[in-house]
Amino acid sequence: MKKKVILITGGTSGIGLATAKAFLLRGAAVALVGRSSLRGETALQELGAADSIIFIKGDVSRVADCARAVRVVVENWGGIDVLVNSAGIYIEKAIEDMTEESFMAIMDTNIKELILCAEMQYRS
């Protein structure tokens, strides 16, 4: 994985953060994308490796944020070798209690981001 460039959505916690650690240990450069600047800074401190990791604040359910994340990675490291779509949300409600807004938030973050980030990476 040395010299490989990895973009991880949802990279500031959980599976995304663990994945970032694994790639960094193998010598990759890692870009974390997340909605919270505080969580991003905390993740960067936890991971160390200052020259091999960046945080990009963004909401991957939005086209512009996906495009900007890919652009920042390409500008920093020349391209993306691996895209890890780890961003996801879960709303604990019975299906009959789910609102359309809640449902769309889940779909936008858990499904739409897969397509948006992959498309933006392909275009880069």
PDB file of N, CA and C in Angstrom:
ATOM      1  N   MET A   1       0.810  -1.198   0.000  1.00  0.00           N
ATOM      2  CA  MET A   1       0.000   0.000   0.000  1.00  0.00           C
ATOM      3  C   MET A   1       0.852   1.261   0.000  1.00  0.00           C
ATOM      4  N   LYS A   2       2.147   1.105   0.095  1.00  0.00           N
ATOM      5  CA  LYS A   2       2.995   2.292   0.092  1.00  0.00           C
ATOM      6  C   LYS A   2       2.716   3.126  -1.150  1.00  0.00           C
ATOM      7  N   LYS A   3       2.620   4.419  -0.923  1.00  0.00           N
ATOM      8  CA  LYS A   3       2.399   5.409  -1.972  1.00  0.00           C
ATOM      9  C   LYS A   3       1.015   5.336  -2.610  1.00  0.00           C
ATOM     10  N   LYS A   4       0.111   4.552  -2.062  1.00  0.00           N
ATOM     11  CA  LYS A   4      -1.269   4.527  -2.540  1.00  0.00           C
ATOM     12  C   LYS A   4      -2.032   5.645  -1.845  1.00  0.00           C
ATOM     13  N   VAL A   5      -3.041   6.173  -2.531  1.00  0.00           N
ATOM     14  CA  VAL A   5      -3.852   7.265  -1.994  1.00  0.00           C
ATOM     15  C   VAL A   5      -5.260   6.733  -1.744  1.00  0.00           C
ATOM     16  N   ILE A   6      -5.722   6.918  -0.513  1.00  0.00           N
ATOM     17  CA  ILE A   6      -7.000   6.376  -0.078  1.00  0.00           C
ATOM     18  C   ILE A   6      -7.915   7.523   0.339  1.00  0.00           C
ATOM     19  N   LEU A   7      -9.147   7.531  -0.158  1.00  0.00           N
ATOM     20  CA  LEU A   7     -10.174   8.477   0.267  1.00  0.00           C
ATOM     21  C   LEU A   7     -11.217   7.694   1.049  1.00  0.00           C
ATOM     22  N   ILE A   8     -11.457   8.113   2.298  1.00  0.00           N
ATOM     23  CA  ILE A   8     -12.400   7.408   3.168  1.00  0.00           C
ATOM     24  C   ILE A   8     -13.507   8.356   3.592  1.00  0.00           C
ATOM     25  N   THR A   9     -14.735   8.079   3.139  1.00  0.00           N
ATOM     26  CA  THR A   9     -15.874   8.846   3.626  1.00  0.00           C
ATOM     27  C   THR A   9     -16.275   8.257   4.977  1.00  0.00           C
ATOM     28  N   GLY A  10     -16.738   9.120   5.874  1.00  0.00           N
ATOM     29  CA  GLY A  10     -17.055   8.634   7.217  1.00  0.00           C
ATOM     30  C   GLY A  10     -15.811   8.172   7.951  1.00  0.00           C
ATOM     31  N   GLY A  11     -14.694   8.792   7.648  1.00  0.00           N
ATOM     32  CA  GLY A  11     -13.408   8.342   8.167  1.00  0.00           C
ATOM     33  C   GLY A  11     -13.041   8.832   9.552  1.00  0.00           C
ATOM     34  N   THR A  12     -13.923   9.570  10.208  1.00  0.00           N
ATOM     35  CA  THR A  12     -13.562  10.140  11.507  1.00  0.00           C
ATOM     36  C   THR A  12     -14.001   9.285  12.693  1.00  0.00           C
ATOM     37  N   SER A  13     -14.658   8.160  12.427  1.00  0.00           N
ATOM     38  CA  SER A  13     -15.076   7.293  13.536  1.00  0.00           C
ATOM     39  C   SER A  13     -15.357   5.888  13.025  1.00  0.00           C
ATOM     40  N   GLY A  14     -15.540   4.978  13.938  1.00  0.00           N
ATOM     41  CA  GLY A  14     -15.972   3.623  13.624  1.00  0.00           C
ATOM     42  C   GLY A  14     -15.118   2.904  12.604  1.00  0.00           C
ATOM     43  N   ILE A  15     -15.794   2.256  11.670  1.00  0.00           N
ATOM     44  CA  ILE A  15     -15.123   1.457  10.644  1.00  0.00           C
ATOM     45  C   ILE A  15     -14.204   2.329   9.778  1.00  0.00           C
ATOM     46  N   GLY A  16     -14.650   3.539   9.454  1.00  0.00           N
ATOM     47  CA  GLY A  16     -13.829   4.427   8.638  1.00  0.00           C
ATOM     48  C   GLY A  16     -12.510   4.776   9.303  1.00  0.00           C
ATOM     49  N   LEU A  17     -12.550   5.086  10.588  1.00  0.00           N
ATOM     50  CA  LEU A  17     -11.332   5.422  11.330  1.00  0.00           C
ATOM     51  C   LEU A  17     -10.417   4.211  11.455  1.00  0.00           C
ATOM     52  N   ALA A  18     -10.988   3.052  11.721  1.00  0.00           N
ATOM     53  CA  ALA A  18     -10.183   1.821  11.813  1.00  0.00           C
ATOM     54  C   ALA A  18      -9.534   1.503  10.464  1.00  0.00           C
ATOM     55  N   THR A  19     -10.255   1.739   9.396  1.00  0.00           N
ATOM     56  CA  THR A  19      -9.716   1.514   8.054  1.00  0.00           C
ATOM     57  C   THR A  19      -8.561   2.475   7.773  1.00  0.00           C
ATOM     58  N   ALA A  20      -8.731   3.718   8.190  1.00  0.00           N
ATOM     59  CA  ALA A  20      -7.658   4.712   8.019  1.00  0.00           C
ATOM     60  C   ALA A  20      -6.393   4.259   8.748  1.00  0.00           C
ATOM     61  N   LYS A  21      -6.541   3.786   9.970  1.00  0.00           N
ATOM     62  CA  LYS A  21      -5.381   3.300  10.740  1.00  0.00           C
ATOM     63  C   LYS A  21      -4.667   2.181   9.988  1.00  0.00           C
ATOM     64  N   ALA A  22      -5.443   1.237   9.460  1.00  0.00           N
ATOM     65  CA  ALA A  22      -4.851   0.098   8.763  1.00  0.00           C
ATOM     66  C   ALA A  22      -4.079   0.548   7.519  1.00  0.00           C
ATOM     67  N   PHE A  23      -4.652   1.450   6.748  1.00  0.00           N
ATOM     68  CA  PHE A  23      -3.959   1.940   5.551  1.00  0.00           C
ATOM     69  C   PHE A  23      -2.708   2.741   5.911  1.00  0.00           C
ATOM     70  N   LEU A  24      -2.798   3.576   6.939  1.00  0.00           N
ATOM     71  CA  LEU A  24      -1.635   4.365   7.347  1.00  0.00           C
ATOM     72  C   LEU A  24      -0.492   3.462   7.807  1.00  0.00           C
ATOM     73  N   LEU A  25      -0.804   2.398   8.528  1.00  0.00           N
ATOM     74  CA  LEU A  25       0.224   1.455   8.983  1.00  0.00           C
ATOM     75  C   LEU A  25       0.941   0.783   7.814  1.00  0.00           C
ATOM     76  N   ARG A  26       0.280   0.732   6.680  1.00  0.00           N
ATOM     77  CA  ARG A  26       0.863   0.109   5.497  1.00  0.00           C
ATOM     78  C   ARG A  26       1.482   1.126   4.538  1.00  0.00           C
ATOM     79  N   GLY A  27       1.586   2.383   4.992  1.00  0.00           N
ATOM     80  CA  GLY A  27       2.300   3.387   4.229  1.00  0.00           C
ATOM     81  C   GLY A  27       1.486   4.195   3.230  1.00  0.00           C
ATOM     82  N   ALA A  28       0.166   4.094   3.277  1.00  0.00           N
ATOM     83  CA  ALA A  28      -0.675   4.842   2.339  1.00  0.00           C
ATOM     84  C   ALA A  28      -0.872   6.283   2.813  1.00  0.00           C
ATOM     85  N   ALA A  29      -1.259   7.138   1.877  1.00  0.00           N
ATOM     86  CA  ALA A  29      -1.714   8.492   2.197  1.00  0.00           C
ATOM     87  C   ALA A  29      -3.236   8.416   2.295  1.00  0.00           C
ATOM     88  N   VAL A  30      -3.799   9.039   3.328  1.00  0.00           N
ATOM     89  CA  VAL A  30      -5.224   8.885   3.609  1.00  0.00           C
ATOM     90  C   VAL A  30      -5.903  10.243   3.738  1.00  0.00           C
ATOM     91  N   ALA A  31      -7.047  10.374   3.056  1.00  0.00           N
ATOM     92  CA  ALA A  31      -7.905  11.554   3.197  1.00  0.00           C
ATOM     93  C   ALA A  31      -9.204  11.108   3.859  1.00  0.00           C
ATOM     94  N   LEU A  32      -9.519  11.753   4.971  1.00  0.00           N
ATOM     95  CA  LEU A  32     -10.757  11.474   5.688  1.00  0.00           C
ATOM     96  C   LEU A  32     -11.787  12.527   5.321  1.00  0.00           C
ATOM     97  N   VAL A  33     -13.016  12.113   5.058  1.00  0.00           N
ATOM     98  CA  VAL A  33     -14.096  13.041   4.801  1.00  0.00           C
ATOM     99  C   VAL A  33     -15.153  12.847   5.878  1.00  0.00           C
ATOM    100  N   GLY A  34     -15.599  13.966   6.459  1.00  0.00           N
ATOM    101  CA  GLY A  34     -16.639  13.901   7.481  1.00  0.00           C
ATOM    102  C   GLY A  34     -17.313  15.239   7.659  1.00  0.00           C
ATOM    103  N   ARG A  35     -18.458  15.229   8.329  1.00  0.00           N
ATOM    104  CA  ARG A  35     -19.245  16.457   8.492  1.00  0.00           C
ATOM    105  C   ARG A  35     -18.787  17.317   9.663  1.00  0.00           C
ATOM    106  N   SER A  36     -18.093  16.727  10.632  1.00  0.00           N
ATOM    107  CA  SER A  36     -17.736  17.449  11.849  1.00  0.00           C
ATOM    108  C   SER A  36     -16.256  17.812  11.883  1.00  0.00           C
ATOM    109  N   SER A  37     -15.982  19.112  11.947  1.00  0.00           N
ATOM    110  CA  SER A  37     -14.591  19.566  12.069  1.00  0.00           C
ATOM    111  C   SER A  37     -13.956  19.062  13.353  1.00  0.00           C
ATOM    112  N   LEU A  38     -14.715  19.056  14.436  1.00  0.00           N
ATOM    113  CA  LEU A  38     -14.194  18.581  15.722  1.00  0.00           C
ATOM    114  C   LEU A  38     -13.800  17.109  15.637  1.00  0.00           C
ATOM    115  N   ARG A  39     -14.668  16.296  15.076  1.00  0.00           N
ATOM    116  CA  ARG A  39     -14.338  14.869  14.928  1.00  0.00           C
ATOM    117  C   ARG A  39     -13.170  14.677  13.972  1.00  0.00           C
ATOM    118  N   GLY A  40     -13.089  15.518  12.953  1.00  0.00           N
ATOM    119  CA  GLY A  40     -11.970  15.442  12.025  1.00  0.00           C
ATOM    120  C   GLY A  40     -10.649  15.746  12.700  1.00  0.00           C
ATOM    121  N   GLU A  41     -10.621  16.804  13.483  1.00  0.00           N
ATOM    122  CA  GLU A  41      -9.393  17.172  14.209  1.00  0.00           C
ATOM    123  C   GLU A  41      -9.015  16.094  15.221  1.00  0.00           C
ATOM    124  N   THR A  42     -10.003  15.550  15.905  1.00  0.00           N
ATOM    125  CA  THR A  42      -9.751  14.475  16.873  1.00  0.00           C
ATOM    126  C   THR A  42      -9.165  13.257  16.175  1.00  0.00           C
ATOM    127  N   ALA A  43      -9.719  12.902  15.012  1.00  0.00           N
ATOM    128  CA  ALA A  43      -9.209  11.762  14.246  1.00  0.00           C
ATOM    129  C   ALA A  43      -7.771  12.005  13.796  1.00  0.00           C
ATOM    130  N   LEU A  44      -7.489  13.213  13.321  1.00  0.00           N
ATOM    131  CA  LEU A  44      -6.128  13.534  12.893  1.00  0.00           C
ATOM    132  C   LEU A  44      -5.136  13.403  14.040  1.00  0.00           C
ATOM    133  N   GLN A  45      -5.515  13.878  15.221  1.00  0.00           N
ATOM    134  CA  GLN A  45      -4.636  13.760  16.389  1.00  0.00           C
ATOM    135  C   GLN A  45      -4.415  12.302  16.752  1.00  0.00           C
ATOM    136  N   GLU A  46      -5.479  11.522  16.698  1.00  0.00           N
ATOM    137  CA  GLU A  46      -5.376  10.100  17.043  1.00  0.00           C
ATOM    138  C   GLU A  46      -4.496   9.340  16.057  1.00  0.00           C
ATOM    139  N   LEU A  47      -4.582   9.702  14.790  1.00  0.00           N
ATOM    140  CA  LEU A  47      -3.863   8.970  13.756  1.00  0.00           C
ATOM    141  C   LEU A  47      -2.419   9.417  13.573  1.00  0.00           C
ATOM    142  N   GLY A  48      -2.101  10.651  13.945  1.00  0.00           N
ATOM    143  CA  GLY A  48      -0.727  11.132  13.779  1.00  0.00           C
ATOM    144  C   GLY A  48      -0.378  11.309  12.310  1.00  0.00           C
ATOM    145  N   ALA A  49       0.762  10.798  11.869  1.00  0.00           N
ATOM    146  CA  ALA A  49       1.211  10.774  10.469  1.00  0.00           C
ATOM    147  C   ALA A  49       0.819  12.027   9.691  1.00  0.00           C
ATOM    148  N   ALA A  50       1.227  13.191  10.175  1.00  0.00           N
ATOM    149  CA  ALA A  50       0.780  14.487   9.648  1.00  0.00           C
ATOM    150  C   ALA A  50       0.960  14.658   8.148  1.00  0.00           C
ATOM    151  N   ASP A  51       2.027  14.143   7.577  1.00  0.00           N
ATOM    152  CA  ASP A  51       2.255  14.347   6.143  1.00  0.00           C
ATOM    153  C   ASP A  51       1.501  13.333   5.277  1.00  0.00           C
ATOM    154  N   SER A  52       0.926  12.317   5.896  1.00  0.00           N
ATOM    155  CA  SER A  52       0.245  11.265   5.150  1.00  0.00           C
ATOM    156  C   SER A  52      -1.269  11.277   5.305  1.00  0.00           C
ATOM    157  N   ILE A  53      -1.800  12.281   5.989  1.00  0.00           N
ATOM    158  CA  ILE A  53      -3.233  12.289   6.241  1.00  0.00           C
ATOM    159  C   ILE A  53      -3.794  13.701   6.221  1.00  0.00           C
ATOM    160  N   ILE A  54      -5.000  13.827   5.652  1.00  0.00           N
ATOM    161  CA  ILE A  54      -5.707  15.099   5.677  1.00  0.00           C
ATOM    162  C   ILE A  54      -7.165  14.843   6.037  1.00  0.00           C
ATOM    163  N   PHE A  55      -7.811  15.882   6.538  1.00  0.00           N
ATOM    164  CA  PHE A  55      -9.248  15.847   6.807  1.00  0.00           C
ATOM    165  C   PHE A  55      -9.920  16.862   5.898  1.00  0.00           C
ATOM    166  N   ILE A  56     -11.013  16.438   5.283  1.00  0.00           N
ATOM    167  CA  ILE A  56     -11.806  17.318   4.428  1.00  0.00           C
ATOM    168  C   ILE A  56     -13.213  17.359   4.998  1.00  0.00           C
ATOM    169  N   LYS A  57     -13.635  18.547   5.415  1.00  0.00           N
ATOM    170  CA  LYS A  57     -14.985  18.691   5.952  1.00  0.00           C
ATOM    171  C   LYS A  57     -15.974  18.673   4.796  1.00  0.00           C
ATOM    172  N   GLY A  58     -16.980  17.814   4.912  1.00  0.00           N
ATOM    173  CA  GLY A  58     -17.980  17.753   3.862  1.00  0.00           C
ATOM    174  C   GLY A  58     -19.088  16.777   4.186  1.00  0.00           C
ATOM    175  N   ASP A  59     -20.218  17.002   3.554  1.00  0.00           N
ATOM    176  CA  ASP A  59     -21.392  16.140   3.675  1.00  0.00           C
ATOM    177  C   ASP A  59     -21.506  15.371   2.370  1.00  0.00           C
ATOM    178  N   VAL A  60     -21.204  14.086   2.407  1.00  0.00           N
ATOM    179  CA  VAL A  60     -21.131  13.300   1.175  1.00  0.00           C
ATOM    180  C   VAL A  60     -22.488  13.021   0.537  1.00  0.00           C
ATOM    181  N   SER A  61     -23.553  13.494   1.149  1.00  0.00           N
ATOM    182  CA  SER A  61     -24.860  13.382   0.492  1.00  0.00           C
ATOM    183  C   SER A  61     -25.064  14.534  -0.490  1.00  0.00           C
ATOM    184  N   ARG A  62     -24.092  15.435  -0.561  1.00  0.00           N
ATOM    185  CA  ARG A  62     -24.165  16.594  -1.457  1.00  0.00           C
ATOM    186  C   ARG A  62     -23.143  16.474  -2.583  1.00  0.00           C
ATOM    187  N   VAL A  63     -23.608  16.697  -3.788  1.00  0.00           N
ATOM    188  CA  VAL A  63     -22.753  16.579  -4.974  1.00  0.00           C
ATOM    189  C   VAL A  63     -21.523  17.474  -4.850  1.00  0.00           C
ATOM    190  N   ALA A  64     -21.730  18.724  -4.478  1.00  0.00           N
ATOM    191  CA  ALA A  64     -20.616  19.677  -4.412  1.00  0.00           C
ATOM    192  C   ALA A  64     -19.562  19.244  -3.399  1.00  0.00           C
ATOM    193  N   ASP A  65     -19.986  18.691  -2.273  1.00  0.00           N
ATOM    194  CA  ASP A  65     -19.021  18.257  -1.259  1.00  0.00           C
ATOM    195  C   ASP A  65     -18.233  17.037  -1.728  1.00  0.00           C
ATOM    196  N   CYS A  66     -18.892  16.114  -2.425  1.00  0.00           N
ATOM    197  CA  CYS A  66     -18.170  14.961  -2.982  1.00  0.00           C
ATOM    198  C   CYS A  66     -17.149  15.419  -4.015  1.00  0.00           C
ATOM    199  N   ALA A  67     -17.569  16.326  -4.885  1.00  0.00           N
ATOM    200  CA  ALA A  67     -16.655  16.840  -5.913  1.00  0.00           C
ATOM    201  C   ALA A  67     -15.469  17.551  -5.281  1.00  0.00           C
ATOM    202  N   ARG A  68     -15.719  18.366  -4.256  1.00  0.00           N
ATOM    203  CA  ARG A  68     -14.637  19.096  -3.601  1.00  0.00           C
ATOM    204  C   ARG A  68     -13.676  18.128  -2.912  1.00  0.00           C
ATOM    205  N   ALA A  69     -14.195  17.100  -2.250  1.00  0.00           N
ATOM    206  CA  ALA A  69     -13.327  16.134  -1.564  1.00  0.00           C
ATOM    207  C   ALA A  69     -12.391  15.453  -2.564  1.00  0.00           C
ATOM    208  N   VAL A  70     -12.942  15.005  -3.667  1.00  0.00           N
ATOM    209  CA  VAL A  70     -12.109  14.361  -4.686  1.00  0.00           C
ATOM    210  C   VAL A  70     -11.089  15.346  -5.236  1.00  0.00           C
ATOM    211  N   ARG A  71     -11.520  16.576  -5.507  1.00  0.00           N
ATOM    212  CA  ARG A  71     -10.611  17.595  -6.042  1.00  0.00           C
ATOM    213  C   ARG A  71      -9.450  17.868  -5.087  1.00  0.00           C
ATOM    214  N   VAL A  72      -9.744  17.985  -3.787  1.00  0.00           N
ATOM    215  CA  VAL A  72      -8.697  18.246  -2.791  1.00  0.00           C
ATOM    216  C   VAL A  72      -7.685  17.102  -2.763  1.00  0.00           C
ATOM    217  N   VAL A  73      -8.161  15.872  -2.815  1.00  0.00           N
ATOM    218  CA  VAL A  73      -7.248  14.723  -2.791  1.00  0.00           C
ATOM    219  C   VAL A  73      -6.385  14.709  -4.047  1.00  0.00           C
ATOM    220  N   VAL A  74      -6.992  14.924  -5.186  1.00  0.00           N
ATOM    221  CA  VAL A  74      -6.237  14.934  -6.446  1.00  0.00           C
ATOM    222  C   VAL A  74      -5.203  16.064  -6.442  1.00  0.00           C
ATOM    223  N   GLU A  75      -5.589  17.238  -5.953  1.00  0.00           N
ATOM    224  CA  GLU A  75      -4.643  18.362  -5.877  1.00  0.00           C
ATOM    225  C   GLU A  75      -3.485  18.066  -4.928  1.00  0.00           C
ATOM    226  N   ASN A  76      -3.756  17.358  -3.830  1.00  0.00           N
ATOM    227  CA  ASN A  76      -2.715  17.049  -2.850  1.00  0.00           C
ATOM    228  C   ASN A  76      -1.810  15.900  -3.279  1.00  0.00           C
ATOM    229  N   TRP A  77      -2.391  14.835  -3.851  1.00  0.00           N
ATOM    230  CA  TRP A  77      -1.623  13.622  -4.086  1.00  0.00           C
ATOM    231  C   TRP A  77      -1.698  13.093  -5.515  1.00  0.00           C
ATOM    232  N   GLY A  78      -2.358  13.815  -6.410  1.00  0.00           N
ATOM    233  CA  GLY A  78      -2.352  13.430  -7.809  1.00  0.00           C
ATOM    234  C   GLY A  78      -3.408  12.445  -8.267  1.00  0.00           C
ATOM    235  N   GLY A  79      -4.143  11.853  -7.377  1.00  0.00           N
ATOM    236  CA  GLY A  79      -5.183  10.900  -7.770  1.00  0.00           C
ATOM    237  C   GLY A  79      -5.665  10.106  -6.568  1.00  0.00           C
ATOM    238  N   ILE A  80      -6.546   9.171  -6.829  1.00  0.00           N
ATOM    239  CA  ILE A  80      -7.096   8.306  -5.780  1.00  0.00           C
ATOM    240  C   ILE A  80      -6.964   6.870  -6.255  1.00  0.00           C
ATOM    241  N   ASP A  81      -6.338   6.039  -5.427  1.00  0.00           N
ATOM    242  CA  ASP A  81      -6.187   4.621  -5.754  1.00  0.00           C
ATOM    243  C   ASP A  81      -7.319   3.774  -5.175  1.00  0.00           C
ATOM    244  N   VAL A  82      -7.790   4.151  -4.001  1.00  0.00           N
ATOM    245  CA  VAL A  82      -8.832   3.373  -3.320  1.00  0.00           C
ATOM    246  C   VAL A  82      -9.859   4.334  -2.738  1.00  0.00           C
ATOM    247  N   LEU A  83     -11.136   4.043  -2.976  1.00  0.00           N
ATOM    248  CA  LEU A  83     -12.237   4.799  -2.394  1.00  0.00           C
ATOM    249  C   LEU A  83     -12.950   3.890  -1.404  1.00  0.00           C
ATOM    250  N   VAL A  84     -13.016   4.320  -0.136  1.00  0.00           N
ATOM    251  CA  VAL A  84     -13.714   3.566   0.901  1.00  0.00           C
ATOM    252  C   VAL A  84     -14.946   4.369   1.294  1.00  0.00           C
ATOM    253  N   ASN A  85     -16.119   3.859   0.949  1.00  0.00           N
ATOM    254  CA  ASN A  85     -17.372   4.523   1.283  1.00  0.00           C
ATOM    255  C   ASN A  85     -17.863   3.980   2.622  1.00  0.00           C
ATOM    256  N   SER A  86     -17.480   4.675   3.683  1.00  0.00           N
ATOM    257  CA  SER A  86     -17.796   4.230   5.030  1.00  0.00           C
ATOM    258  C   SER A  86     -18.816   5.130   5.723  1.00  0.00           C
ATOM    259  N   ALA A  87     -19.174   6.235   5.109  1.00  0.00           N
ATOM    260  CA  ALA A  87     -20.154   7.130   5.721  1.00  0.00           C
ATOM    261  C   ALA A  87     -21.505   6.430   5.783  1.00  0.00           C
ATOM    262  N   GLY A  88     -22.177   6.603   6.882  1.00  0.00           N
ATOM    263  CA  GLY A  88     -23.501   6.012   7.008  1.00  0.00           C
ATOM    264  C   GLY A  88     -24.209   6.543   8.240  1.00  0.00           C
ATOM    265  N   ILE A  89     -25.519   6.565   8.156  1.00  0.00           N
ATOM    266  CA  ILE A  89     -26.316   6.959   9.315  1.00  0.00           C
ATOM    267  C   ILE A  89     -27.373   5.895   9.568  1.00  0.00           C
ATOM    268  N   TYR A  90     -27.849   5.870  10.799  1.00  0.00           N
ATOM    269  CA  TYR A  90     -28.882   4.930  11.211  1.00  0.00           C
ATOM    270  C   TYR A  90     -29.855   5.688  12.095  1.00  0.00           C
ATOM    271  N   ILE A  91     -31.113   5.623  11.756  1.00  0.00           N
ATOM    272  CA  ILE A  91     -32.150   6.264  12.563  1.00  0.00           C
ATOM    273  C   ILE A  91     -32.985   5.141  13.168  1.00  0.00           C
ATOM    274  N   GLU A  92     -32.919   5.023  14.470  1.00  0.00           N
ATOM    275  CA  GLU A  92     -33.600   3.921  15.146  1.00  0.00           C
ATOM    276  C   GLU A  92     -35.080   4.247  15.338  1.00  0.00           C
ATOM    277  N   LYS A  93     -35.855   3.800  14.353  1.00  0.00           N
ATOM    278  CA  LYS A  93     -37.304   3.982  14.378  1.00  0.00           C
ATOM    279  C   LYS A  93     -37.946   2.797  13.676  1.00  0.00           C
ATOM    280  N   ALA A  94     -39.158   2.479  14.084  1.00  0.00           N
ATOM    281  CA  ALA A  94     -39.926   1.486  13.344  1.00  0.00           C
ATOM    282  C   ALA A  94     -40.276   2.081  11.983  1.00  0.00           C
ATOM    283  N   ILE A  95     -40.376   1.251  10.972  1.00  0.00           N
ATOM    284  CA  ILE A  95     -40.619   1.742   9.618  1.00  0.00           C
ATOM    285  C   ILE A  95     -41.895   2.571   9.539  1.00  0.00           C
ATOM    286  N   GLU A  96     -42.898   2.209  10.316  1.00  0.00           N
ATOM    287  CA  GLU A  96     -44.147   2.974  10.275  1.00  0.00           C
ATOM    288  C   GLU A  96     -44.017   4.349  10.924  1.00  0.00           C
ATOM    289  N   ASP A  97     -42.966   4.558  11.693  1.00  0.00           N
ATOM    290  CA  ASP A  97     -42.728   5.852  12.329  1.00  0.00           C
ATOM    291  C   ASP A  97     -41.727   6.708  11.549  1.00  0.00           C
ATOM    292  N   MET A  98     -41.184   6.157  10.484  1.00  0.00           N
ATOM    293  CA  MET A  98     -40.181   6.858   9.691  1.00  0.00           C
ATOM    294  C   MET A  98     -40.855   7.941   8.845  1.00  0.00           C
ATOM    295  N   THR A  99     -40.307   9.143   8.907  1.00  0.00           N
ATOM    296  CA  THR A  99     -40.811  10.220   8.051  1.00  0.00           C
ATOM    297  C   THR A  99     -40.093  10.157   6.704  1.00  0.00           C
ATOM    298  N   GLU A 100     -40.645  10.839   5.729  1.00  0.00           N
ATOM    299  CA  GLU A 100     -39.985  10.897   4.428  1.00  0.00           C
ATOM    300  C   GLU A 100     -38.624  11.569   4.555  1.00  0.00           C
ATOM    301  N   GLU A 101     -38.523  12.591   5.387  1.00  0.00           N
ATOM    302  CA  GLU A 101     -37.247  13.291   5.583  1.00  0.00           C
ATOM    303  C   GLU A 101     -36.198  12.354   6.193  1.00  0.00           C
ATOM    304  N   SER A 102     -36.609  11.555   7.176  1.00  0.00           N
ATOM    305  CA  SER A 102     -35.679  10.597   7.787  1.00  0.00           C
ATOM    306  C   SER A 102     -35.224   9.561   6.771  1.00  0.00           C
ATOM    307  N   PHE A 103     -36.178   9.053   6.020  1.00  0.00           N
ATOM    308  CA  PHE A 103     -35.856   8.056   4.998  1.00  0.00           C
ATOM    309  C   PHE A 103     -34.885   8.624   3.971  1.00  0.00           C
ATOM    310  N   MET A 104     -35.145   9.842   3.505  1.00  0.00           N
ATOM    311  CA  MET A 104     -34.274  10.453   2.501  1.00  0.00           C
ATOM    312  C   MET A 104     -32.887  10.753   3.064  1.00  0.00           C
ATOM    313  N   ALA A 105     -32.796  11.123   4.338  1.00  0.00           N
ATOM    314  CA  ALA A 105     -31.481  11.346   4.956  1.00  0.00           C
ATOM    315  C   ALA A 105     -30.661  10.059   4.946  1.00  0.00           C
ATOM    316  N   ILE A 106     -31.309   8.948   5.253  1.00  0.00           N
ATOM    317  CA  ILE A 106     -30.623   7.649   5.233  1.00  0.00           C
ATOM    318  C   ILE A 106     -30.184   7.309   3.813  1.00  0.00           C
ATOM    319  N   MET A 107     -31.084   7.454   2.861  1.00  0.00           N
ATOM    320  CA  MET A 107     -30.761   7.116   1.469  1.00  0.00           C
ATOM    321  C   MET A 107     -29.654   8.019   0.912  1.00  0.00           C
ATOM    322  N   ASP A 108     -29.733   9.302   1.222  1.00  0.00           N
ATOM    323  CA  ASP A 108     -28.722  10.243   0.711  1.00  0.00           C
ATOM    324  C   ASP A 108     -27.336   9.944   1.259  1.00  0.00           C
ATOM    325  N   THR A 109     -27.259   9.609   2.533  1.00  0.00           N
ATOM    326  CA  THR A 109     -25.955   9.359   3.142  1.00  0.00           C
ATOM    327  C   THR A 109     -25.450   7.947   2.856  1.00  0.00           C
ATOM    328  N   ASN A 110     -26.326   6.971   2.928  1.00  0.00           N
ATOM    329  CA  ASN A 110     -25.888   5.578   2.826  1.00  0.00           C
ATOM    330  C   ASN A 110     -25.826   5.049   1.395  1.00  0.00           C
ATOM    331  N   ILE A 111     -26.617   5.606   0.491  1.00  0.00           N
ATOM    332  CA  ILE A 111     -26.665   5.093  -0.880  1.00  0.00           C
ATOM    333  C   ILE A 111     -26.155   6.122  -1.886  1.00  0.00           C
ATOM    334  N   LYS A 112     -26.729   7.307  -1.857  1.00  0.00           N
ATOM    335  CA  LYS A 112     -26.372   8.338  -2.841  1.00  0.00           C
ATOM    336  C   LYS A 112     -24.882   8.660  -2.808  1.00  0.00           C
ATOM    337  N   GLU A 113     -24.286   8.695  -1.618  1.00  0.00           N
ATOM    338  CA  GLU A 113     -22.860   9.020  -1.514  1.00  0.00           C
ATOM    339  C   GLU A 113     -21.984   7.999  -2.211  1.00  0.00           C
ATOM    340  N   LEU A 114     -22.409   6.749  -2.236  1.00  0.00           N
ATOM    341  CA  LEU A 114     -21.628   5.729  -2.943  1.00  0.00           C
ATOM    342  C   LEU A 114     -21.482   6.093  -4.416  1.00  0.00           C
ATOM    343  N   ILE A 115     -22.602   6.477  -5.004  1.00  0.00           N
ATOM    344  CA  ILE A 115     -22.623   6.807  -6.425  1.00  0.00           C
ATOM    345  C   ILE A 115     -21.895   8.126  -6.688  1.00  0.00           C
ATOM    346  N   LEU A 116     -22.182   9.128  -5.862  1.00  0.00           N
ATOM    347  CA  LEU A 116     -21.568  10.443  -6.073  1.00  0.00           C
ATOM    348  C   LEU A 116     -20.053  10.389  -5.968  1.00  0.00           C
ATOM    349  N   CYS A 117     -19.543   9.781  -4.911  1.00  0.00           N
ATOM    350  CA  CYS A 117     -18.087   9.747  -4.725  1.00  0.00           C
ATOM    351  C   CYS A 117     -17.409   8.906  -5.801  1.00  0.00           C
ATOM    352  N   ALA A 118     -18.022   7.784  -6.165  1.00  0.00           N
ATOM    353  CA  ALA A 118     -17.434   6.955  -7.220  1.00  0.00           C
ATOM    354  C   ALA A 118     -17.426   7.700  -8.548  1.00  0.00           C
ATOM    355  N   GLU A 119     -18.503   8.397  -8.855  1.00  0.00           N
ATOM    356  CA  GLU A 119     -18.573   9.165 -10.092  1.00  0.00           C
ATOM    357  C   GLU A 119     -17.522  10.274 -10.122  1.00  0.00           C
ATOM    358  N   MET A 120     -17.395  10.993  -9.006  1.00  0.00           N
ATOM    359  CA  MET A 120     -16.408  12.084  -8.944  1.00  0.00           C
ATOM    360  C   MET A 120     -14.994  11.539  -9.070  1.00  0.00           C
ATOM    361  N   GLN A 121     -14.738  10.382  -8.458  1.00  0.00           N
ATOM    362  CA  GLN A 121     -13.417   9.775  -8.574  1.00  0.00           C
ATOM    363  C   GLN A 121     -13.156   9.377 -10.022  1.00  0.00           C
ATOM    364  N   TYR A 122     -14.142   8.803 -10.665  1.00  0.00           N
ATOM    365  CA  TYR A 122     -13.995   8.386 -12.063  1.00  0.00           C
ATOM    366  C   TYR A 122     -13.692   9.581 -12.953  1.00  0.00           C
ATOM    367  N   ARG A 123     -14.351  10.704 -12.696  1.00  0.00           N
ATOM    368  CA  ARG A 123     -14.132  11.905 -13.508  1.00  0.00           C
ATOM    369  C   ARG A 123     -12.756  12.523 -13.293  1.00  0.00           C
ATOM    370  N   SER A 124     -12.148  12.267 -12.129  1.00  0.00           N
ATOM    371  CA  SER A 124     -10.858  12.898 -11.833  1.00  0.00           C
ATOM    372  C   SER A 124      -9.793  12.157 -12.601  1.00  0.00           C
TER     373      SER A 124
END
